[in-house]
PDB file of all heavy atoms in Angstrom:
ATOM      1  N   VAL A   1      -8.247 -19.614 -12.062  1.00  0.00           N
ATOM      2  CA  VAL A   1      -8.447 -18.536 -11.089  1.00  0.00           C
ATOM      3  C   VAL A   1      -8.610 -19.122  -9.686  1.00  0.00           C
ATOM      4  O   VAL A   1      -8.104 -18.566  -8.709  1.00  0.00           O
ATOM      5  CB  VAL A   1      -9.658 -17.674 -11.479  1.00  0.00           C
ATOM      6  CG1 VAL A   1     -10.052 -16.732 -10.344  1.00  0.00           C
ATOM      7  CG2 VAL A   1      -9.347 -16.862 -12.728  1.00  0.00           C
ATOM      8  N   LEU A   2      -9.312 -20.242  -9.574  1.00  0.00           N
ATOM      9  CA  LEU A   2      -9.446 -20.889  -8.267  1.00  0.00           C
ATOM     10  C   LEU A   2      -8.073 -21.322  -7.748  1.00  0.00           C
ATOM     11  O   LEU A   2      -7.738 -21.084  -6.572  1.00  0.00           O
ATOM     12  CB  LEU A   2     -10.385 -22.093  -8.359  1.00  0.00           C
ATOM     13  CG  LEU A   2     -10.503 -22.943  -7.092  1.00  0.00           C
ATOM     14  CD1 LEU A   2     -10.881 -22.101  -5.884  1.00  0.00           C
ATOM     15  CD2 LEU A   2     -11.515 -24.077  -7.296  1.00  0.00           C
ATOM     16  N   ALA A   3      -7.272 -21.949  -8.605  1.00  0.00           N
ATOM     17  CA  ALA A   3      -5.931 -22.386  -8.184  1.00  0.00           C
ATOM     18  C   ALA A   3      -5.073 -21.185  -7.805  1.00  0.00           C
ATOM     19  O   ALA A   3      -4.311 -21.233  -6.830  1.00  0.00           O
ATOM     20  CB  ALA A   3      -5.267 -23.181  -9.307  1.00  0.00           C
ATOM     21  N   GLN A   4      -5.199 -20.088  -8.570  1.00  0.00           N
ATOM     22  CA  GLN A   4      -4.435 -18.883  -8.249  1.00  0.00           C
ATOM     23  C   GLN A   4      -4.850 -18.306  -6.899  1.00  0.00           C
ATOM     24  O   GLN A   4      -4.024 -17.884  -6.099  1.00  0.00           O
ATOM     25  CB  GLN A   4      -4.640 -17.839  -9.344  1.00  0.00           C
ATOM     26  CG  GLN A   4      -3.905 -16.545  -9.100  1.00  0.00           C
ATOM     27  CD  GLN A   4      -4.781 -15.334  -9.392  1.00  0.00           C
ATOM     28  OE1 GLN A   4      -5.957 -15.314  -9.041  1.00  0.00           O
ATOM     29  NE2 GLN A   4      -4.210 -14.337 -10.024  1.00  0.00           N
ATOM     30  N   SER A   5      -6.152 -18.297  -6.626  1.00  0.00           N
ATOM     31  CA  SER A   5      -6.654 -17.781  -5.355  1.00  0.00           C
ATOM     32  C   SER A   5      -6.140 -18.629  -4.188  1.00  0.00           C
ATOM     33  O   SER A   5      -5.755 -18.098  -3.142  1.00  0.00           O
ATOM     34  CB  SER A   5      -8.184 -17.767  -5.360  1.00  0.00           C
ATOM     35  OG  SER A   5      -8.682 -16.945  -6.407  1.00  0.00           O
ATOM     36  N   VAL A   6      -6.132 -19.930  -4.380  1.00  0.00           N
ATOM     37  CA  VAL A   6      -5.599 -20.833  -3.351  1.00  0.00           C
ATOM     38  C   VAL A   6      -4.117 -20.547  -3.117  1.00  0.00           C
ATOM     39  O   VAL A   6      -3.650 -20.477  -1.975  1.00  0.00           O
ATOM     40  CB  VAL A   6      -5.814 -22.299  -3.772  1.00  0.00           C
ATOM     41  CG1 VAL A   6      -5.049 -23.244  -2.844  1.00  0.00           C
ATOM     42  CG2 VAL A   6      -7.297 -22.639  -3.763  1.00  0.00           C
ATOM     43  N   LEU A   7      -3.379 -20.371  -4.209  1.00  0.00           N
ATOM     44  CA  LEU A   7      -1.946 -20.064  -4.100  1.00  0.00           C
ATOM     45  C   LEU A   7      -1.717 -18.775  -3.323  1.00  0.00           C
ATOM     46  O   LEU A   7      -0.882 -18.723  -2.418  1.00  0.00           O
ATOM     47  CB  LEU A   7      -1.341 -19.945  -5.501  1.00  0.00           C
ATOM     48  CG  LEU A   7       0.080 -19.364  -5.586  1.00  0.00           C
ATOM     49  CD1 LEU A   7       1.085 -20.298  -4.924  1.00  0.00           C
ATOM     50  CD2 LEU A   7       0.465 -19.101  -7.041  1.00  0.00           C
ATOM     51  N   PHE A   8      -2.471 -17.721  -3.651  1.00  0.00           N
ATOM     52  CA  PHE A   8      -2.259 -16.425  -3.024  1.00  0.00           C
ATOM     53  C   PHE A   8      -2.665 -16.443  -1.556  1.00  0.00           C
ATOM     54  O   PHE A   8      -2.068 -15.738  -0.742  1.00  0.00           O
ATOM     55  CB  PHE A   8      -3.031 -15.337  -3.773  1.00  0.00           C
ATOM     56  CG  PHE A   8      -2.333 -14.869  -5.036  1.00  0.00           C
ATOM     57  CD1 PHE A   8      -1.519 -15.726  -5.759  1.00  0.00           C
ATOM     58  CD2 PHE A   8      -2.496 -13.582  -5.504  1.00  0.00           C
ATOM     59  CE1 PHE A   8      -0.882 -15.323  -6.922  1.00  0.00           C
ATOM     60  CE2 PHE A   8      -1.853 -13.156  -6.658  1.00  0.00           C
ATOM     61  CZ  PHE A   8      -1.048 -14.024  -7.377  1.00  0.00           C
ATOM     62  N   VAL A   9      -3.682 -17.223  -1.204  1.00  0.00           N
ATOM     63  CA  VAL A   9      -4.062 -17.356   0.202  1.00  0.00           C
ATOM     64  C   VAL A   9      -2.967 -18.074   0.977  1.00  0.00           C
ATOM     65  O   VAL A   9      -2.607 -17.690   2.099  1.00  0.00           O
ATOM     66  CB  VAL A   9      -5.394 -18.121   0.333  1.00  0.00           C
ATOM     67  CG1 VAL A   9      -5.632 -18.559   1.771  1.00  0.00           C
ATOM     68  CG2 VAL A   9      -6.556 -17.249  -0.126  1.00  0.00           C
ATOM     69  N   ALA A  10      -2.409 -19.140   0.367  1.00  0.00           N
ATOM     70  CA  ALA A  10      -1.485 -20.016   1.084  1.00  0.00           C
ATOM     71  C   ALA A  10      -0.061 -19.485   1.148  1.00  0.00           C
ATOM     72  O   ALA A  10       0.628 -19.686   2.143  1.00  0.00           O
ATOM     73  CB  ALA A  10      -1.488 -21.401   0.438  1.00  0.00           C
ATOM     74  N   ILE A  11       0.386 -18.793   0.097  1.00  0.00           N
ATOM     75  CA  ILE A  11       1.805 -18.461   0.011  1.00  0.00           C
ATOM     76  C   ILE A  11       2.219 -17.430   1.059  1.00  0.00           C
ATOM     77  O   ILE A  11       3.395 -17.337   1.417  1.00  0.00           O
ATOM     78  CB  ILE A  11       2.165 -17.966  -1.409  1.00  0.00           C
ATOM     79  CG1 ILE A  11       3.657 -18.156  -1.706  1.00  0.00           C
ATOM     80  CG2 ILE A  11       1.735 -16.520  -1.597  1.00  0.00           C
ATOM     81  CD1 ILE A  11       4.100 -19.564  -1.835  1.00  0.00           C
ATOM     82  N   PHE A  12       1.269 -16.639   1.561  1.00  0.00           N
ATOM     83  CA  PHE A  12       1.597 -15.657   2.591  1.00  0.00           C
ATOM     84  C   PHE A  12       1.215 -16.142   3.992  1.00  0.00           C
ATOM     85  O   PHE A  12       1.270 -15.373   4.946  1.00  0.00           O
ATOM     86  CB  PHE A  12       0.909 -14.321   2.287  1.00  0.00           C
ATOM     87  CG  PHE A  12       1.448 -13.639   1.057  1.00  0.00           C
ATOM     88  CD1 PHE A  12       0.725 -13.639  -0.117  1.00  0.00           C
ATOM     89  CD2 PHE A  12       2.692 -13.032   1.072  1.00  0.00           C
ATOM     90  CE1 PHE A  12       1.226 -13.022  -1.260  1.00  0.00           C
ATOM     91  CE2 PHE A  12       3.202 -12.409  -0.066  1.00  0.00           C
ATOM     92  CZ  PHE A  12       2.464 -12.411  -1.235  1.00  0.00           C
ATOM     93  N   TYR A  13       0.836 -17.413   4.086  1.00  0.00           N
ATOM     94  CA  TYR A  13       0.419 -17.955   5.373  1.00  0.00           C
ATOM     95  C   TYR A  13       1.590 -18.033   6.353  1.00  0.00           C
ATOM     96  O   TYR A  13       1.406 -17.956   7.567  1.00  0.00           O
ATOM     97  CB  TYR A  13      -0.192 -19.341   5.161  1.00  0.00           C
ATOM     98  CG  TYR A  13      -0.916 -19.879   6.355  1.00  0.00           C
ATOM     99  CD1 TYR A  13      -2.097 -19.292   6.790  1.00  0.00           C
ATOM    100  CD2 TYR A  13      -0.418 -20.975   7.061  1.00  0.00           C
ATOM    101  CE1 TYR A  13      -2.777 -19.796   7.884  1.00  0.00           C
ATOM    102  CE2 TYR A  13      -1.097 -21.471   8.156  1.00  0.00           C
ATOM    103  CZ  TYR A  13      -2.269 -20.887   8.566  1.00  0.00           C
ATOM    104  OH  TYR A  13      -2.936 -21.370   9.656  1.00  0.00           O
ATOM    105  N   GLY A  14       2.801 -18.147   5.823  1.00  0.00           N
ATOM    106  CA  GLY A  14       3.965 -18.279   6.677  1.00  0.00           C
ATOM    107  C   GLY A  14       4.241 -17.072   7.549  1.00  0.00           C
ATOM    108  O   GLY A  14       4.932 -17.185   8.567  1.00  0.00           O
ATOM    109  N   ILE A  15       3.683 -15.913   7.161  1.00  0.00           N
ATOM    110  CA  ILE A  15       3.942 -14.720   7.974  1.00  0.00           C
ATOM    111  C   ILE A  15       3.362 -14.869   9.378  1.00  0.00           C
ATOM    112  O   ILE A  15       3.852 -14.261  10.339  1.00  0.00           O
ATOM    113  CB  ILE A  15       3.388 -13.453   7.286  1.00  0.00           C
ATOM    114  CG1 ILE A  15       4.066 -12.208   7.880  1.00  0.00           C
ATOM    115  CG2 ILE A  15       1.872 -13.372   7.397  1.00  0.00           C
ATOM    116  CD1 ILE A  15       3.774 -10.939   7.105  1.00  0.00           C
ATOM    117  N   SER A  16       2.336 -15.717   9.515  1.00  0.00           N
ATOM    118  CA  SER A  16       1.757 -15.933  10.847  1.00  0.00           C
ATOM    119  C   SER A  16       2.769 -16.604  11.777  1.00  0.00           C
ATOM    120  O   SER A  16       2.741 -16.392  12.991  1.00  0.00           O
ATOM    121  CB  SER A  16       0.497 -16.800  10.741  1.00  0.00           C
ATOM    122  OG  SER A  16       0.808 -18.106  10.268  1.00  0.00           O
ATOM    123  N   ILE A  17       3.691 -17.395  11.205  1.00  0.00           N
ATOM    124  CA  ILE A  17       4.729 -18.035  12.030  1.00  0.00           C
ATOM    125  C   ILE A  17       5.668 -16.975  12.599  1.00  0.00           C
ATOM    126  O   ILE A  17       6.115 -17.067  13.751  1.00  0.00           O
ATOM    127  CB  ILE A  17       5.525 -19.059  11.190  1.00  0.00           C
ATOM    128  CG1 ILE A  17       4.577 -20.062  10.524  1.00  0.00           C
ATOM    129  CG2 ILE A  17       6.543 -19.777  12.051  1.00  0.00           C
ATOM    130  CD1 ILE A  17       3.765 -20.869  11.481  1.00  0.00           C
ATOM    131  N   ILE A  18       5.962 -15.967  11.787  1.00  0.00           N
ATOM    132  CA  ILE A  18       6.849 -14.897  12.271  1.00  0.00           C
ATOM    133  C   ILE A  18       6.158 -14.102  13.374  1.00  0.00           C
ATOM    134  O   ILE A  18       6.784 -13.747  14.377  1.00  0.00           O
ATOM    135  CB  ILE A  18       7.255 -13.988  11.094  1.00  0.00           C
ATOM    136  CG1 ILE A  18       8.004 -14.814  10.037  1.00  0.00           C
ATOM    137  CG2 ILE A  18       8.132 -12.838  11.578  1.00  0.00           C
ATOM    138  CD1 ILE A  18       8.368 -14.061   8.781  1.00  0.00           C
ATOM    139  N   TRP A  19       4.856 -13.848  13.219  1.00  0.00           N
ATOM    140  CA  TRP A  19       4.104 -13.177  14.284  1.00  0.00           C
ATOM    141  C   TRP A  19       4.131 -14.021  15.558  1.00  0.00           C
ATOM    142  O   TRP A  19       4.313 -13.492  16.666  1.00  0.00           O
ATOM    143  CB  TRP A  19       2.658 -12.960  13.844  1.00  0.00           C
ATOM    144  CG  TRP A  19       2.458 -11.793  12.928  1.00  0.00           C
ATOM    145  CD1 TRP A  19       2.204 -11.820  11.589  1.00  0.00           C
ATOM    146  CD2 TRP A  19       2.507 -10.399  13.280  1.00  0.00           C
ATOM    147  NE1 TRP A  19       2.092 -10.553  11.087  1.00  0.00           N
ATOM    148  CE2 TRP A  19       2.273  -9.649  12.103  1.00  0.00           C
ATOM    149  CE3 TRP A  19       2.734  -9.717  14.474  1.00  0.00           C
ATOM    150  CZ2 TRP A  19       2.245  -8.262  12.092  1.00  0.00           C
ATOM    151  CZ3 TRP A  19       2.707  -8.328  14.456  1.00  0.00           C
ATOM    152  CH2 TRP A  19       2.467  -7.619  13.282  1.00  0.00           C
ATOM    153  N   GLU A  20       3.922 -15.320  15.418  1.00  0.00           N
ATOM    154  CA  GLU A  20       3.920 -16.197  16.595  1.00  0.00           C
ATOM    155  C   GLU A  20       5.301 -16.220  17.260  1.00  0.00           C
ATOM    156  O   GLU A  20       5.392 -16.305  18.485  1.00  0.00           O
ATOM    157  CB  GLU A  20       3.511 -17.615  16.175  1.00  0.00           C
ATOM    158  CG  GLU A  20       2.038 -17.738  15.808  1.00  0.00           C
ATOM    159  CD  GLU A  20       1.669 -19.112  15.321  1.00  0.00           C
ATOM    160  OE1 GLU A  20       2.587 -19.969  15.200  1.00  0.00           O
ATOM    161  OE2 GLU A  20       0.479 -19.356  15.045  1.00  0.00           O
ATOM    162  N   ARG A  21       6.360 -16.145  16.467  1.00  0.00           N
ATOM    163  CA  ARG A  21       7.701 -16.082  17.045  1.00  0.00           C
ATOM    164  C   ARG A  21       7.861 -14.804  17.864  1.00  0.00           C
ATOM    165  O   ARG A  21       8.370 -14.814  18.994  1.00  0.00           O
ATOM    166  CB  ARG A  21       8.734 -16.141  15.917  1.00  0.00           C
ATOM    167  CG  ARG A  21      10.201 -16.346  16.348  1.00  0.00           C
ATOM    168  CD  ARG A  21      10.915 -15.043  16.695  1.00  0.00           C
ATOM    169  NE  ARG A  21      10.809 -14.036  15.690  1.00  0.00           N
ATOM    170  CZ  ARG A  21      11.669 -13.885  14.657  1.00  0.00           C
ATOM    171  NH1 ARG A  21      12.691 -14.682  14.552  1.00  0.00           N
ATOM    172  NH2 ARG A  21      11.507 -12.898  13.789  1.00  0.00           N
ATOM    173  N   ASP A  22       7.399 -13.678  17.302  1.00  0.00           N
ATOM    174  CA  ASP A  22       7.528 -12.394  17.998  1.00  0.00           C
ATOM    175  C   ASP A  22       6.701 -12.354  19.281  1.00  0.00           C
ATOM    176  O   ASP A  22       7.078 -11.676  20.244  1.00  0.00           O
ATOM    177  CB  ASP A  22       7.118 -11.253  17.072  1.00  0.00           C
ATOM    178  CG  ASP A  22       8.058 -11.105  15.876  1.00  0.00           C
ATOM    179  OD1 ASP A  22       9.184 -11.643  15.948  1.00  0.00           O
ATOM    180  OD2 ASP A  22       7.667 -10.468  14.879  1.00  0.00           O
ATOM    181  N   LEU A  23       5.577 -13.063  19.304  1.00  0.00           N
ATOM    182  CA  LEU A  23       4.716 -13.090  20.487  1.00  0.00           C
ATOM    183  C   LEU A  23       5.117 -14.173  21.487  1.00  0.00           C
ATOM    184  O   LEU A  23       4.510 -14.270  22.564  1.00  0.00           O
ATOM    185  CB  LEU A  23       3.257 -13.301  20.061  1.00  0.00           C
ATOM    186  CG  LEU A  23       2.627 -12.165  19.235  1.00  0.00           C
ATOM    187  CD1 LEU A  23       1.257 -12.586  18.706  1.00  0.00           C
ATOM    188  CD2 LEU A  23       2.492 -10.895  20.070  1.00  0.00           C
ATOM    189  N   GLY A  24       6.072 -15.008  21.146  1.00  0.00           N
ATOM    190  CA  GLY A  24       6.525 -16.063  22.047  1.00  0.00           C
ATOM    191  C   GLY A  24       5.722 -17.346  21.965  1.00  0.00           C
ATOM    192  O   GLY A  24       5.957 -18.276  22.748  1.00  0.00           O
ATOM    193  N   ILE A  25       4.776 -17.424  21.015  1.00  0.00           N
ATOM    194  CA  ILE A  25       3.929 -18.616  20.905  1.00  0.00           C
ATOM    195  C   ILE A  25       4.728 -19.808  20.375  1.00  0.00           C
ATOM    196  O   ILE A  25       4.533 -20.948  20.803  1.00  0.00           O
ATOM    197  CB  ILE A  25       2.713 -18.329  20.001  1.00  0.00           C
ATOM    198  CG1 ILE A  25       1.859 -17.221  20.615  1.00  0.00           C
ATOM    199  CG2 ILE A  25       1.879 -19.580  19.788  1.00  0.00           C
ATOM    200  CD1 ILE A  25       0.731 -16.742  19.729  1.00  0.00           C
ATOM    201  N   VAL A  26       5.634 -19.550  19.438  1.00  0.00           N
ATOM    202  CA  VAL A  26       6.430 -20.633  18.860  1.00  0.00           C
ATOM    203  C   VAL A  26       7.234 -21.354  19.935  1.00  0.00           C
ATOM    204  O   VAL A  26       7.347 -22.584  19.937  1.00  0.00           O
ATOM    205  CB  VAL A  26       7.362 -20.086  17.756  1.00  0.00           C
ATOM    206  CG1 VAL A  26       8.409 -21.127  17.370  1.00  0.00           C
ATOM    207  CG2 VAL A  26       6.556 -19.697  16.531  1.00  0.00           C
ATOM    208  N   HIS A  27       7.786 -20.596  20.881  1.00  0.00           N
ATOM    209  CA  HIS A  27       8.575 -21.207  21.947  1.00  0.00           C
ATOM    210  C   HIS A  27       7.726 -22.171  22.785  1.00  0.00           C
ATOM    211  O   HIS A  27       8.205 -23.219  23.232  1.00  0.00           O
ATOM    212  CB  HIS A  27       9.171 -20.122  22.840  1.00  0.00           C
ATOM    213  CG  HIS A  27      10.131 -19.207  22.118  1.00  0.00           C
ATOM    214  ND1 HIS A  27       9.680 -18.199  21.305  1.00  0.00           N
ATOM    215  CD2 HIS A  27      11.490 -19.176  22.081  1.00  0.00           C
ATOM    216  CE1 HIS A  27      10.739 -17.557  20.798  1.00  0.00           C
ATOM    217  NE2 HIS A  27      11.835 -18.131  21.248  1.00  0.00           N
ATOM    218  N   LYS A  28       6.449 -21.812  22.994  1.00  0.00           N
ATOM    219  CA  LYS A  28       5.556 -22.706  23.738  1.00  0.00           C
ATOM    220  C   LYS A  28       5.273 -23.980  22.951  1.00  0.00           C
ATOM    221  O   LYS A  28       5.193 -25.072  23.526  1.00  0.00           O
ATOM    222  CB  LYS A  28       4.253 -21.976  24.066  1.00  0.00           C
ATOM    223  CG  LYS A  28       4.442 -20.786  25.007  1.00  0.00           C
ATOM    224  CD  LYS A  28       3.127 -20.063  25.248  1.00  0.00           C
ATOM    225  CE  LYS A  28       3.327 -18.858  26.167  1.00  0.00           C
ATOM    226  NZ  LYS A  28       2.064 -18.099  26.376  1.00  0.00           N
ATOM    227  N   PHE A  29       5.113 -23.848  21.634  1.00  0.00           N
ATOM    228  CA  PHE A  29       4.916 -25.033  20.801  1.00  0.00           C
ATOM    229  C   PHE A  29       6.130 -25.945  20.854  1.00  0.00           C
ATOM    230  O   PHE A  29       6.009 -27.170  20.916  1.00  0.00           O
ATOM    231  CB  PHE A  29       4.654 -24.627  19.346  1.00  0.00           C
ATOM    232  CG  PHE A  29       3.251 -24.159  19.072  1.00  0.00           C
ATOM    233  CD1 PHE A  29       3.003 -23.154  18.153  1.00  0.00           C
ATOM    234  CD2 PHE A  29       2.167 -24.732  19.714  1.00  0.00           C
ATOM    235  CE1 PHE A  29       1.723 -22.731  17.887  1.00  0.00           C
ATOM    236  CE2 PHE A  29       0.879 -24.318  19.466  1.00  0.00           C
ATOM    237  CZ  PHE A  29       0.656 -23.304  18.546  1.00  0.00           C
ATOM    238  N   LEU A  30       7.314 -25.333  20.824  1.00  0.00           N
ATOM    239  CA  LEU A  30       8.535 -26.123  20.751  1.00  0.00           C
ATOM    240  C   LEU A  30       8.816 -26.924  22.020  1.00  0.00           C
ATOM    241  O   LEU A  30       9.498 -27.953  21.964  1.00  0.00           O
ATOM    242  CB  LEU A  30       9.727 -25.214  20.426  1.00  0.00           C
ATOM    243  CG  LEU A  30       9.733 -24.615  19.013  1.00  0.00           C
ATOM    244  CD1 LEU A  30      10.899 -23.656  18.844  1.00  0.00           C
ATOM    245  CD2 LEU A  30       9.776 -25.706  17.957  1.00  0.00           C
ATOM    246  N   VAL A  31       8.330 -26.439  23.172  1.00  0.00           N
ATOM    247  CA  VAL A  31       8.541 -27.190  24.415  1.00  0.00           C
ATOM    248  C   VAL A  31       7.384 -28.146  24.699  1.00  0.00           C
ATOM    249  O   VAL A  31       7.424 -28.865  25.691  1.00  0.00           O
ATOM    250  CB  VAL A  31       8.740 -26.237  25.614  1.00  0.00           C
ATOM    251  CG1 VAL A  31       9.970 -25.381  25.411  1.00  0.00           C
ATOM    252  CG2 VAL A  31       7.505 -25.371  25.848  1.00  0.00           C
ATOM    253  N   SER A  32       6.370 -28.152  23.837  1.00  0.00           N
ATOM    254  CA  SER A  32       5.253 -29.075  24.013  1.00  0.00           C
ATOM    255  C   SER A  32       5.622 -30.440  23.438  1.00  0.00           C
ATOM    256  O   SER A  32       6.559 -30.559  22.640  1.00  0.00           O
ATOM    257  CB  SER A  32       4.010 -28.539  23.305  1.00  0.00           C
ATOM    258  OG  SER A  32       4.163 -28.636  21.899  1.00  0.00           O
ATOM    259  N   PRO A  33       4.896 -31.500  23.821  1.00  0.00           N
ATOM    260  CA  PRO A  33       5.205 -32.842  23.299  1.00  0.00           C
ATOM    261  C   PRO A  33       4.672 -33.087  21.893  1.00  0.00           C
ATOM    262  O   PRO A  33       4.776 -34.201  21.383  1.00  0.00           O
ATOM    263  CB  PRO A  33       4.519 -33.760  24.319  1.00  0.00           C
ATOM    264  CG  PRO A  33       3.370 -32.952  24.836  1.00  0.00           C
ATOM    265  CD  PRO A  33       3.841 -31.527  24.854  1.00  0.00           C
ATOM    266  N   VAL A  34       4.097 -32.063  21.260  1.00  0.00           N
ATOM    267  CA  VAL A  34       3.532 -32.243  19.917  1.00  0.00           C
ATOM    268  C   VAL A  34       4.664 -32.384  18.903  1.00  0.00           C
ATOM    269  O   VAL A  34       5.584 -31.556  18.873  1.00  0.00           O
ATOM    270  CB  VAL A  34       2.640 -31.037  19.542  1.00  0.00           C
ATOM    271  CG1 VAL A  34       2.059 -31.221  18.137  1.00  0.00           C
ATOM    272  CG2 VAL A  34       1.525 -30.859  20.557  1.00  0.00           C
ATOM    273  N   PRO A  35       4.654 -33.418  18.058  1.00  0.00           N
ATOM    274  CA  PRO A  35       5.707 -33.561  17.037  1.00  0.00           C
ATOM    275  C   PRO A  35       5.721 -32.361  16.096  1.00  0.00           C
ATOM    276  O   PRO A  35       4.676 -31.759  15.817  1.00  0.00           O
ATOM    277  CB  PRO A  35       5.295 -34.843  16.287  1.00  0.00           C
ATOM    278  CG  PRO A  35       4.403 -35.578  17.220  1.00  0.00           C
ATOM    279  CD  PRO A  35       3.706 -34.546  18.039  1.00  0.00           C
TER     280      PRO A  35
END
């Protein structure tokens, strides 16, 4: 159950990247010197 809870928390974490793309945050990351 602990492993399942970790999986369910993590597997939908990628949606935050789509939100950041829509808000323009990803573009700021991409022009930064951070690898």
